[in-house]
């Protein structure tokens, strides 16, 4: 099995947020939930070489925000909003 892509991670985030009344979630919440929704390979689960105590796939969750100016990114494409410490669906960034 190959590594999960950032786009697949973003799709899992959007799927989860769509199910939530608030349409928002913290990074920590997403890190707990995403493994329940996608198949992660041994490569995905390997320790990140640049972030201590984090798996490669967890880094990809944060990369959705880091790469927000890149075409093809879910934030760049208007499918997600980056919030302080997490993500929201468009129009839900101010939801409680």
PDB file of N, CA and C in Angstrom:
ATOM      1  N   UNK A   1       0.852  -1.171   0.000  1.00  0.00           N
ATOM      2  CA  UNK A   1       0.000   0.000   0.000  1.00  0.00           C
ATOM      3  C   UNK A   1       0.903   1.241   0.000  1.00  0.00           C
ATOM      4  N   UNK A   2       0.548   2.215  -0.793  1.00  0.00           N
ATOM      5  CA  UNK A   2       1.343   3.435  -0.864  1.00  0.00           C
ATOM      6  C   UNK A   2       0.871   4.443   0.185  1.00  0.00           C
ATOM      7  N   UNK A   3       1.627   5.508   0.322  1.00  0.00           N
ATOM      8  CA  UNK A   3       1.275   6.548   1.295  1.00  0.00           C
ATOM      9  C   UNK A   3      -0.002   7.263   0.889  1.00  0.00           C
ATOM     10  N   UNK A   4      -0.738   7.692   1.900  1.00  0.00           N
ATOM     11  CA  UNK A   4      -1.934   8.481   1.674  1.00  0.00           C
ATOM     12  C   UNK A   4      -1.509   9.865   1.183  1.00  0.00           C
ATOM     13  N   UNK A   5      -2.308  10.466   0.334  1.00  0.00           N
ATOM     14  CA  UNK A   5      -1.963  11.787  -0.191  1.00  0.00           C
ATOM     15  C   UNK A   5      -2.577  12.886   0.678  1.00  0.00           C
ATOM     16  N   UNK A   6      -2.032  14.062   0.545  1.00  0.00           N
ATOM     17  CA  UNK A   6      -2.584  15.211   1.260  1.00  0.00           C
ATOM     18  C   UNK A   6      -4.031  15.454   0.844  1.00  0.00           C
ATOM     19  N   UNK A   7      -4.323  15.233  -0.419  1.00  0.00           N
ATOM     20  CA  UNK A   7      -5.685  15.392  -0.924  1.00  0.00           C
ATOM     21  C   UNK A   7      -6.640  14.392  -0.268  1.00  0.00           C
ATOM     22  N   UNK A   8      -6.192  13.166  -0.075  1.00  0.00           N
ATOM     23  CA  UNK A   8      -7.022  12.160   0.597  1.00  0.00           C
ATOM     24  C   UNK A   8      -7.243  12.517   2.066  1.00  0.00           C
ATOM     25  N   UNK A   9      -6.218  13.071   2.695  1.00  0.00           N
ATOM     26  CA  UNK A   9      -6.356  13.546   4.076  1.00  0.00           C
ATOM     27  C   UNK A   9      -7.395  14.665   4.118  1.00  0.00           C
ATOM     28  N   UNK A  10      -7.308  15.610   3.194  1.00  0.00           N
ATOM     29  CA  UNK A  10      -8.269  16.720   3.147  1.00  0.00           C
ATOM     30  C   UNK A  10      -9.684  16.198   2.930  1.00  0.00           C
ATOM     31  N   UNK A  11      -9.839  15.205   2.069  1.00  0.00           N
ATOM     32  CA  UNK A  11     -11.165  14.625   1.835  1.00  0.00           C
ATOM     33  C   UNK A  11     -11.719  14.003   3.122  1.00  0.00           C
ATOM     34  N   UNK A  12     -10.856  13.322   3.893  1.00  0.00           N
ATOM     35  CA  UNK A  12     -11.286  12.726   5.158  1.00  0.00           C
ATOM     36  C   UNK A  12     -11.682  13.811   6.154  1.00  0.00           C
ATOM     37  N   UNK A  13     -10.948  14.912   6.169  1.00  0.00           N
ATOM     38  CA  UNK A  13     -11.286  16.039   7.045  1.00  0.00           C
ATOM     39  C   UNK A  13     -12.657  16.586   6.674  1.00  0.00           C
ATOM     40  N   UNK A  14     -12.873  16.820   5.393  1.00  0.00           N
ATOM     41  CA  UNK A  14     -14.151  17.376   4.919  1.00  0.00           C
ATOM     42  C   UNK A  14     -15.300  16.423   5.248  1.00  0.00           C
ATOM     43  N   UNK A  15     -15.094  15.142   5.032  1.00  0.00           N
ATOM     44  CA  UNK A  15     -16.128  14.148   5.332  1.00  0.00           C
ATOM     45  C   UNK A  15     -16.509  14.218   6.820  1.00  0.00           C
ATOM     46  N   UNK A  16     -15.512  14.260   7.671  1.00  0.00           N
ATOM     47  CA  UNK A  16     -15.769  14.322   9.108  1.00  0.00           C
ATOM     48  C   UNK A  16     -16.477  15.624   9.489  1.00  0.00           C
ATOM     49  N   UNK A  17     -16.000  16.745   8.982  1.00  0.00           N
ATOM     50  CA  UNK A  17     -16.603  18.034   9.325  1.00  0.00           C
ATOM     51  C   UNK A  17     -18.049  18.118   8.850  1.00  0.00           C
ATOM     52  N   UNK A  18     -18.349  17.484   7.729  1.00  0.00           N
ATOM     53  CA  UNK A  18     -19.712  17.480   7.193  1.00  0.00           C
ATOM     54  C   UNK A  18     -20.670  16.767   8.148  1.00  0.00           C
ATOM     55  N   UNK A  19     -20.171  15.794   8.882  1.00  0.00           N
ATOM     56  CA  UNK A  19     -20.993  15.040   9.828  1.00  0.00           C
ATOM     57  C   UNK A  19     -21.190  15.772  11.153  1.00  0.00           C
ATOM     58  N   UNK A  20     -20.359  16.763  11.417  1.00  0.00           N
ATOM     59  CA  UNK A  20     -20.432  17.494  12.686  1.00  0.00           C
ATOM     60  C   UNK A  20     -21.368  18.695  12.565  1.00  0.00           C
ATOM     61  N   UNK A  21     -22.199  18.908  13.561  1.00  0.00           N
ATOM     62  CA  UNK A  21     -23.115  20.046  13.555  1.00  0.00           C
ATOM     63  C   UNK A  21     -22.358  21.364  13.434  1.00  0.00           C
ATOM     64  N   UNK A  22     -21.236  21.467  14.134  1.00  0.00           N
ATOM     65  CA  UNK A  22     -20.466  22.713  14.125  1.00  0.00           C
ATOM     66  C   UNK A  22     -19.710  22.929  12.817  1.00  0.00           C
ATOM     67  N   UNK A  23     -19.407  21.837  12.111  1.00  0.00           N
ATOM     68  CA  UNK A  23     -18.621  21.954  10.890  1.00  0.00           C
ATOM     69  C   UNK A  23     -17.174  22.331  11.133  1.00  0.00           C
ATOM     70  N   UNK A  24     -16.691  22.118  12.368  1.00  0.00           N
ATOM     71  CA  UNK A  24     -15.319  22.483  12.743  1.00  0.00           C
ATOM     72  C   UNK A  24     -14.686  21.366  13.562  1.00  0.00           C
ATOM     73  N   UNK A  25     -13.346  21.353  13.563  1.00  0.00           N
ATOM     74  CA  UNK A  25     -12.614  20.406  14.411  1.00  0.00           C
ATOM     75  C   UNK A  25     -11.189  20.893  14.595  1.00  0.00           C
ATOM     76  N   UNK A  26     -10.634  20.548  15.736  1.00  0.00           N
ATOM     77  CA  UNK A  26      -9.232  20.871  16.001  1.00  0.00           C
ATOM     78  C   UNK A  26      -8.338  19.835  15.321  1.00  0.00           C
ATOM     79  N   UNK A  27      -7.085  20.184  15.171  1.00  0.00           N
ATOM     80  CA  UNK A  27      -6.102  19.238  14.631  1.00  0.00           C
ATOM     81  C   UNK A  27      -6.071  17.986  15.503  1.00  0.00           C
ATOM     82  N   UNK A  28      -6.074  18.153  16.815  1.00  0.00           N
ATOM     83  CA  UNK A  28      -6.012  17.011  17.726  1.00  0.00           C
ATOM     84  C   UNK A  28      -7.205  16.078  17.530  1.00  0.00           C
ATOM     85  N   UNK A  29      -8.371  16.644  17.374  1.00  0.00           N
ATOM     86  CA  UNK A  29      -9.572  15.838  17.138  1.00  0.00           C
ATOM     87  C   UNK A  29      -9.448  15.073  15.829  1.00  0.00           C
ATOM     88  N   UNK A  30      -8.954  15.726  14.809  1.00  0.00           N
ATOM     89  CA  UNK A  30      -8.790  15.084  13.502  1.00  0.00           C
ATOM     90  C   UNK A  30      -7.742  13.975  13.549  1.00  0.00           C
ATOM     91  N   UNK A  31      -6.681  14.189  14.296  1.00  0.00           N
ATOM     92  CA  UNK A  31      -5.639  13.163  14.429  1.00  0.00           C
ATOM     93  C   UNK A  31      -6.223  11.921  15.110  1.00  0.00           C
ATOM     94  N   UNK A  32      -7.160  12.108  16.016  1.00  0.00           N
ATOM     95  CA  UNK A  32      -7.821  10.956  16.647  1.00  0.00           C
ATOM     96  C   UNK A  32      -8.795  10.278  15.688  1.00  0.00           C
ATOM     97  N   UNK A  33      -9.479  11.040  14.853  1.00  0.00           N
ATOM     98  CA  UNK A  33     -10.566  10.518  14.020  1.00  0.00           C
ATOM     99  C   UNK A  33     -10.119   9.946  12.677  1.00  0.00           C
ATOM    100  N   UNK A  34      -9.180  10.554  12.031  1.00  0.00           N
ATOM    101  CA  UNK A  34      -8.816  10.148  10.662  1.00  0.00           C
ATOM    102  C   UNK A  34      -8.428   8.671  10.555  1.00  0.00           C
ATOM    103  N   UNK A  35      -7.676   8.096  11.493  1.00  0.00           N
ATOM    104  CA  UNK A  35      -7.359   6.663  11.354  1.00  0.00           C
ATOM    105  C   UNK A  35      -8.586   5.751  11.340  1.00  0.00           C
ATOM    106  N   UNK A  36      -9.723   6.234  11.835  1.00  0.00           N
ATOM    107  CA  UNK A  36     -10.967   5.470  11.795  1.00  0.00           C
ATOM    108  C   UNK A  36     -11.635   5.538  10.428  1.00  0.00           C
ATOM    109  N   UNK A  37     -11.136   6.406   9.552  1.00  0.00           N
ATOM    110  CA  UNK A  37     -11.799   6.669   8.284  1.00  0.00           C
ATOM    111  C   UNK A  37     -10.991   6.288   7.049  1.00  0.00           C
ATOM    112  N   UNK A  38      -9.692   6.144   7.216  1.00  0.00           N
ATOM    113  CA  UNK A  38      -8.830   5.840   6.066  1.00  0.00           C
ATOM    114  C   UNK A  38      -7.883   4.699   6.422  1.00  0.00           C
ATOM    115  N   UNK A  39      -7.386   4.033   5.401  1.00  0.00           N
ATOM    116  CA  UNK A  39      -6.378   3.002   5.599  1.00  0.00           C
ATOM    117  C   UNK A  39      -5.009   3.663   5.544  1.00  0.00           C
ATOM    118  N   UNK A  40      -4.272   3.550   6.628  1.00  0.00           N
ATOM    119  CA  UNK A  40      -2.932   4.122   6.696  1.00  0.00           C
ATOM    120  C   UNK A  40      -1.911   2.997   6.531  1.00  0.00           C
ATOM    121  N   UNK A  41      -0.965   3.220   5.645  1.00  0.00           N
ATOM    122  CA  UNK A  41       0.077   2.230   5.389  1.00  0.00           C
ATOM    123  C   UNK A  41       1.167   2.313   6.452  1.00  0.00           C
ATOM    124  N   UNK A  42       2.054   1.350   6.425  1.00  0.00           N
ATOM    125  CA  UNK A  42       3.208   1.381   7.335  1.00  0.00           C
ATOM    126  C   UNK A  42       4.027   2.643   7.088  1.00  0.00           C
ATOM    127  N   UNK A  43       4.111   3.066   5.841  1.00  0.00           N
ATOM    128  CA  UNK A  43       4.840   4.304   5.522  1.00  0.00           C
ATOM    129  C   UNK A  43       4.156   5.515   6.156  1.00  0.00           C
ATOM    130  N   UNK A  44       2.830   5.547   6.122  1.00  0.00           N
ATOM    131  CA  UNK A  44       2.081   6.649   6.736  1.00  0.00           C
ATOM    132  C   UNK A  44       2.308   6.709   8.237  1.00  0.00           C
ATOM    133  N   UNK A  45       2.405   5.534   8.846  1.00  0.00           N
ATOM    134  CA  UNK A  45       2.538   5.435  10.298  1.00  0.00           C
ATOM    135  C   UNK A  45       3.967   5.625  10.797  1.00  0.00           C
ATOM    136  N   UNK A  46       4.914   5.690   9.872  1.00  0.00           N
ATOM    137  CA  UNK A  46       6.319   5.876  10.244  1.00  0.00           C
ATOM    138  C   UNK A  46       6.514   7.241  10.905  1.00  0.00           C
ATOM    139  N   UNK A  47       7.495   7.342  11.796  1.00  0.00           N
ATOM    140  CA  UNK A  47       7.763   8.637  12.433  1.00  0.00           C
ATOM    141  C   UNK A  47       8.172   9.693  11.410  1.00  0.00           C
ATOM    142  N   UNK A  48       7.675  10.888  11.603  1.00  0.00           N
ATOM    143  CA  UNK A  48       8.055  12.004  10.744  1.00  0.00           C
ATOM    144  C   UNK A  48       9.525  12.330  10.975  1.00  0.00           C
ATOM    145  N   UNK A  49      10.285  12.505   9.898  1.00  0.00           N
ATOM    146  CA  UNK A  49      11.695  12.857  10.080  1.00  0.00           C
ATOM    147  C   UNK A  49      11.897  14.308  10.532  1.00  0.00           C
ATOM    148  N   UNK A  50      10.860  15.132  10.414  1.00  0.00           N
ATOM    149  CA  UNK A  50      11.007  16.552  10.750  1.00  0.00           C
ATOM    150  C   UNK A  50      10.195  16.992  11.967  1.00  0.00           C
ATOM    151  N   UNK A  51       9.249  16.175  12.417  1.00  0.00           N
ATOM    152  CA  UNK A  51       8.424  16.547  13.571  1.00  0.00           C
ATOM    153  C   UNK A  51       8.467  15.428  14.603  1.00  0.00           C
ATOM    154  N   UNK A  52       9.070  15.698  15.740  1.00  0.00           N
ATOM    155  CA  UNK A  52       9.196  14.704  16.803  1.00  0.00           C
ATOM    156  C   UNK A  52       7.828  14.257  17.306  1.00  0.00           C
ATOM    157  N   UNK A  53       7.731  12.985  17.642  1.00  0.00           N
ATOM    158  CA  UNK A  53       6.514  12.408  18.221  1.00  0.00           C
ATOM    159  C   UNK A  53       5.298  12.526  17.321  1.00  0.00           C
ATOM    160  N   UNK A  54       5.516  12.501  16.020  1.00  0.00           N
ATOM    161  CA  UNK A  54       4.421  12.623  15.069  1.00  0.00           C
ATOM    162  C   UNK A  54       4.668  11.666  13.907  1.00  0.00           C
ATOM    163  N   UNK A  55       3.600  11.009  13.456  1.00  0.00           N
ATOM    164  CA  UNK A  55       3.701  10.143  12.280  1.00  0.00           C
ATOM    165  C   UNK A  55       3.622  10.994  11.011  1.00  0.00           C
ATOM    166  N   UNK A  56       4.105  10.433   9.929  1.00  0.00           N
ATOM    167  CA  UNK A  56       4.094  11.162   8.655  1.00  0.00           C
ATOM    168  C   UNK A  56       2.684  11.618   8.283  1.00  0.00           C
ATOM    169  N   UNK A  57       1.693  10.752   8.464  1.00  0.00           N
ATOM    170  CA  UNK A  57       0.331  11.139   8.073  1.00  0.00           C
ATOM    171  C   UNK A  57      -0.184  12.308   8.913  1.00  0.00           C
ATOM    172  N   UNK A  58       0.223  12.392  10.180  1.00  0.00           N
ATOM    173  CA  UNK A  58      -0.194  13.513  11.027  1.00  0.00           C
ATOM    174  C   UNK A  58       0.375  14.820  10.498  1.00  0.00           C
ATOM    175  N   UNK A  59       1.586  14.769  10.016  1.00  0.00           N
ATOM    176  CA  UNK A  59       2.207  15.946   9.417  1.00  0.00           C
ATOM    177  C   UNK A  59       1.392  16.400   8.205  1.00  0.00           C
ATOM    178  N   UNK A  60       0.862  15.441   7.460  1.00  0.00           N
ATOM    179  CA  UNK A  60       0.060  15.789   6.285  1.00  0.00           C
ATOM    180  C   UNK A  60      -1.213  16.543   6.663  1.00  0.00           C
ATOM    181  N   UNK A  61      -1.779  16.256   7.840  1.00  0.00           N
ATOM    182  CA  UNK A  61      -2.955  17.006   8.298  1.00  0.00           C
ATOM    183  C   UNK A  61      -2.584  18.480   8.418  1.00  0.00           C
ATOM    184  N   UNK A  62      -1.452  18.747   9.045  1.00  0.00           N
ATOM    185  CA  UNK A  62      -1.002  20.137   9.202  1.00  0.00           C
ATOM    186  C   UNK A  62      -0.580  20.747   7.864  1.00  0.00           C
ATOM    187  N   UNK A  63      -0.096  19.908   6.952  1.00  0.00           N
ATOM    188  CA  UNK A  63       0.324  20.415   5.648  1.00  0.00           C
ATOM    189  C   UNK A  63      -0.841  20.968   4.831  1.00  0.00           C
ATOM    190  N   UNK A  64      -2.048  20.528   5.122  1.00  0.00           N
ATOM    191  CA  UNK A  64      -3.204  21.094   4.417  1.00  0.00           C
ATOM    192  C   UNK A  64      -3.214  22.606   4.625  1.00  0.00           C
ATOM    193  N   UNK A  65      -2.908  23.048   5.841  1.00  0.00           N
ATOM    194  CA  UNK A  65      -2.817  24.495   6.105  1.00  0.00           C
ATOM    195  C   UNK A  65      -1.539  25.075   5.521  1.00  0.00           C
ATOM    196  N   UNK A  66      -0.429  24.378   5.690  1.00  0.00           N
ATOM    197  CA  UNK A  66       0.860  24.889   5.216  1.00  0.00           C
ATOM    198  C   UNK A  66       0.875  25.127   3.709  1.00  0.00           C
ATOM    199  N   UNK A  67       0.140  24.316   2.979  1.00  0.00           N
ATOM    200  CA  UNK A  67       0.140  24.402   1.511  1.00  0.00           C
ATOM    201  C   UNK A  67      -1.096  25.119   0.970  1.00  0.00           C
ATOM    202  N   UNK A  68      -1.731  25.941   1.791  1.00  0.00           N
ATOM    203  CA  UNK A  68      -2.997  26.564   1.408  1.00  0.00           C
ATOM    204  C   UNK A  68      -2.933  27.485   0.189  1.00  0.00           C
ATOM    205  N   UNK A  69      -1.752  27.909  -0.187  1.00  0.00           N
ATOM    206  CA  UNK A  69      -1.636  28.772  -1.368  1.00  0.00           C
ATOM    207  C   UNK A  69      -1.362  27.986  -2.647  1.00  0.00           C
ATOM    208  N   UNK A  70      -1.314  26.673  -2.536  1.00  0.00           N
ATOM    209  CA  UNK A  70      -0.995  25.825  -3.691  1.00  0.00           C
ATOM    210  C   UNK A  70      -2.264  25.385  -4.408  1.00  0.00           C
ATOM    211  N   UNK A  71      -2.303  25.525  -5.733  1.00  0.00           N
ATOM    212  CA  UNK A  71      -3.445  25.009  -6.487  1.00  0.00           C
ATOM    213  C   UNK A  71      -3.649  23.519  -6.193  1.00  0.00           C
ATOM    214  N   UNK A  72      -4.903  23.122  -6.068  1.00  0.00           N
ATOM    215  CA  UNK A  72      -5.228  21.743  -5.751  1.00  0.00           C
ATOM    216  C   UNK A  72      -5.428  21.513  -4.261  1.00  0.00           C
ATOM    217  N   UNK A  73      -4.969  22.435  -3.435  1.00  0.00           N
ATOM    218  CA  UNK A  73      -5.136  22.335  -1.991  1.00  0.00           C
ATOM    219  C   UNK A  73      -6.599  22.631  -1.635  1.00  0.00           C
ATOM    220  N   UNK A  74      -7.130  21.938  -0.619  1.00  0.00           N
ATOM    221  CA  UNK A  74      -8.535  22.088  -0.233  1.00  0.00           C
ATOM    222  C   UNK A  74      -8.860  23.493   0.278  1.00  0.00           C
ATOM    223  N   UNK A  75      -7.917  24.149   0.932  1.00  0.00           N
ATOM    224  CA  UNK A  75      -8.148  25.525   1.387  1.00  0.00           C
ATOM    225  C   UNK A  75      -8.086  26.467   0.193  1.00  0.00           C
ATOM    226  N   UNK A  76      -7.077  26.292  -0.636  1.00  0.00           N
ATOM    227  CA  UNK A  76      -6.945  27.118  -1.841  1.00  0.00           C
ATOM    228  C   UNK A  76      -8.194  27.001  -2.713  1.00  0.00           C
ATOM    229  N   UNK A  77      -8.751  25.796  -2.776  1.00  0.00           N
ATOM    230  CA  UNK A  77      -9.933  25.549  -3.601  1.00  0.00           C
ATOM    231  C   UNK A  77     -11.242  25.932  -2.940  1.00  0.00           C
ATOM    232  N   UNK A  78     -11.200  26.440  -1.706  1.00  0.00           N
ATOM    233  CA  UNK A  78     -12.409  26.887  -1.027  1.00  0.00           C
ATOM    234  C   UNK A  78     -13.227  25.783  -0.388  1.00  0.00           C
ATOM    235  N   UNK A  79     -12.674  24.581  -0.273  1.00  0.00           N
ATOM    236  CA  UNK A  79     -13.403  23.464   0.328  1.00  0.00           C
ATOM    237  C   UNK A  79     -13.231  23.404   1.838  1.00  0.00           C
ATOM    238  N   UNK A  80     -12.176  24.029   2.355  1.00  0.00           N
ATOM    239  CA  UNK A  80     -11.884  24.064   3.786  1.00  0.00           C
ATOM    240  C   UNK A  80     -11.433  25.463   4.166  1.00  0.00           C
ATOM    241  N   UNK A  81     -11.595  25.782   5.434  1.00  0.00           N
ATOM    242  CA  UNK A  81     -11.098  27.031   6.008  1.00  0.00           C
ATOM    243  C   UNK A  81     -10.121  26.648   7.121  1.00  0.00           C
ATOM    244  N   UNK A  82      -8.989  27.295   7.160  1.00  0.00           N
ATOM    245  CA  UNK A  82      -8.040  27.099   8.247  1.00  0.00           C
ATOM    246  C   UNK A  82      -8.467  27.988   9.405  1.00  0.00           C
ATOM    247  N   UNK A  83      -8.603  27.391  10.591  1.00  0.00           N
ATOM    248  CA  UNK A  83      -8.960  28.142  11.788  1.00  0.00           C
ATOM    249  C   UNK A  83      -7.813  28.025  12.782  1.00  0.00           C
ATOM    250  N   UNK A  84      -7.873  28.769  13.841  1.00  0.00           N
ATOM    251  CA  UNK A  84      -6.850  28.685  14.871  1.00  0.00           C
ATOM    252  C   UNK A  84      -6.866  27.273  15.463  1.00  0.00           C
ATOM    253  N   UNK A  85      -5.851  26.490  15.147  1.00  0.00           N
ATOM    254  CA  UNK A  85      -5.733  25.147  15.696  1.00  0.00           C
ATOM    255  C   UNK A  85      -6.552  24.077  15.015  1.00  0.00           C
ATOM    256  N   UNK A  86      -7.124  24.382  13.847  1.00  0.00           N
ATOM    257  CA  UNK A  86      -7.931  23.363  13.184  1.00  0.00           C
ATOM    258  C   UNK A  86      -8.465  23.778  11.834  1.00  0.00           C
ATOM    259  N   UNK A  87      -9.621  23.225  11.516  1.00  0.00           N
ATOM    260  CA  UNK A  87     -10.256  23.464  10.219  1.00  0.00           C
ATOM    261  C   UNK A  87     -11.757  23.636  10.403  1.00  0.00           C
ATOM    262  N   UNK A  88     -12.380  24.278   9.409  1.00  0.00           N
ATOM    263  CA  UNK A  88     -13.821  24.417   9.375  1.00  0.00           C
ATOM    264  C   UNK A  88     -14.285  24.335   7.934  1.00  0.00           C
ATOM    265  N   UNK A  89     -15.558  23.996   7.779  1.00  0.00           N
ATOM    266  CA  UNK A  89     -16.153  24.080   6.467  1.00  0.00           C
ATOM    267  C   UNK A  89     -16.402  25.553   6.157  1.00  0.00           C
ATOM    268  N   UNK A  90     -16.400  25.934   4.888  1.00  0.00           N
ATOM    269  CA  UNK A  90     -16.683  27.329   4.549  1.00  0.00           C
ATOM    270  C   UNK A  90     -18.011  27.775   5.150  1.00  0.00           C
ATOM    271  N   UNK A  91     -17.999  28.955   5.741  1.00  0.00           N
ATOM    272  CA  UNK A  91     -19.189  29.508   6.392  1.00  0.00           C
ATOM    273  C   UNK A  91     -19.345  29.053   7.823  1.00  0.00           C
ATOM    274  N   UNK A  92     -18.493  28.147   8.286  1.00  0.00           N
ATOM    275  CA  UNK A  92     -18.588  27.634   9.648  1.00  0.00           C
ATOM    276  C   UNK A  92     -17.411  28.066  10.507  1.00  0.00           C
ATOM    277  N   UNK A  93     -16.528  28.883   9.978  1.00  0.00           N
ATOM    278  CA  UNK A  93     -15.335  29.253  10.731  1.00  0.00           C
ATOM    279  C   UNK A  93     -15.622  30.006  12.021  1.00  0.00           C
ATOM    280  N   UNK A  94     -16.784  30.632  12.107  1.00  0.00           N
ATOM    281  CA  UNK A  94     -17.148  31.362  13.322  1.00  0.00           C
ATOM    282  C   UNK A  94     -18.141  30.617  14.183  1.00  0.00           C
ATOM    283  N   UNK A  95     -18.475  29.390  13.813  1.00  0.00           N
ATOM    284  CA  UNK A  95     -19.458  28.607  14.573  1.00  0.00           C
ATOM    285  C   UNK A  95     -18.904  28.257  15.955  1.00  0.00           C
ATOM    286  N   UNK A  96     -19.764  28.162  16.913  1.00  0.00           N
ATOM    287  CA  UNK A  96     -19.350  27.816  18.279  1.00  0.00           C
ATOM    288  C   UNK A  96     -19.256  26.312  18.442  1.00  0.00           C
TER     289      UNK A  96
END
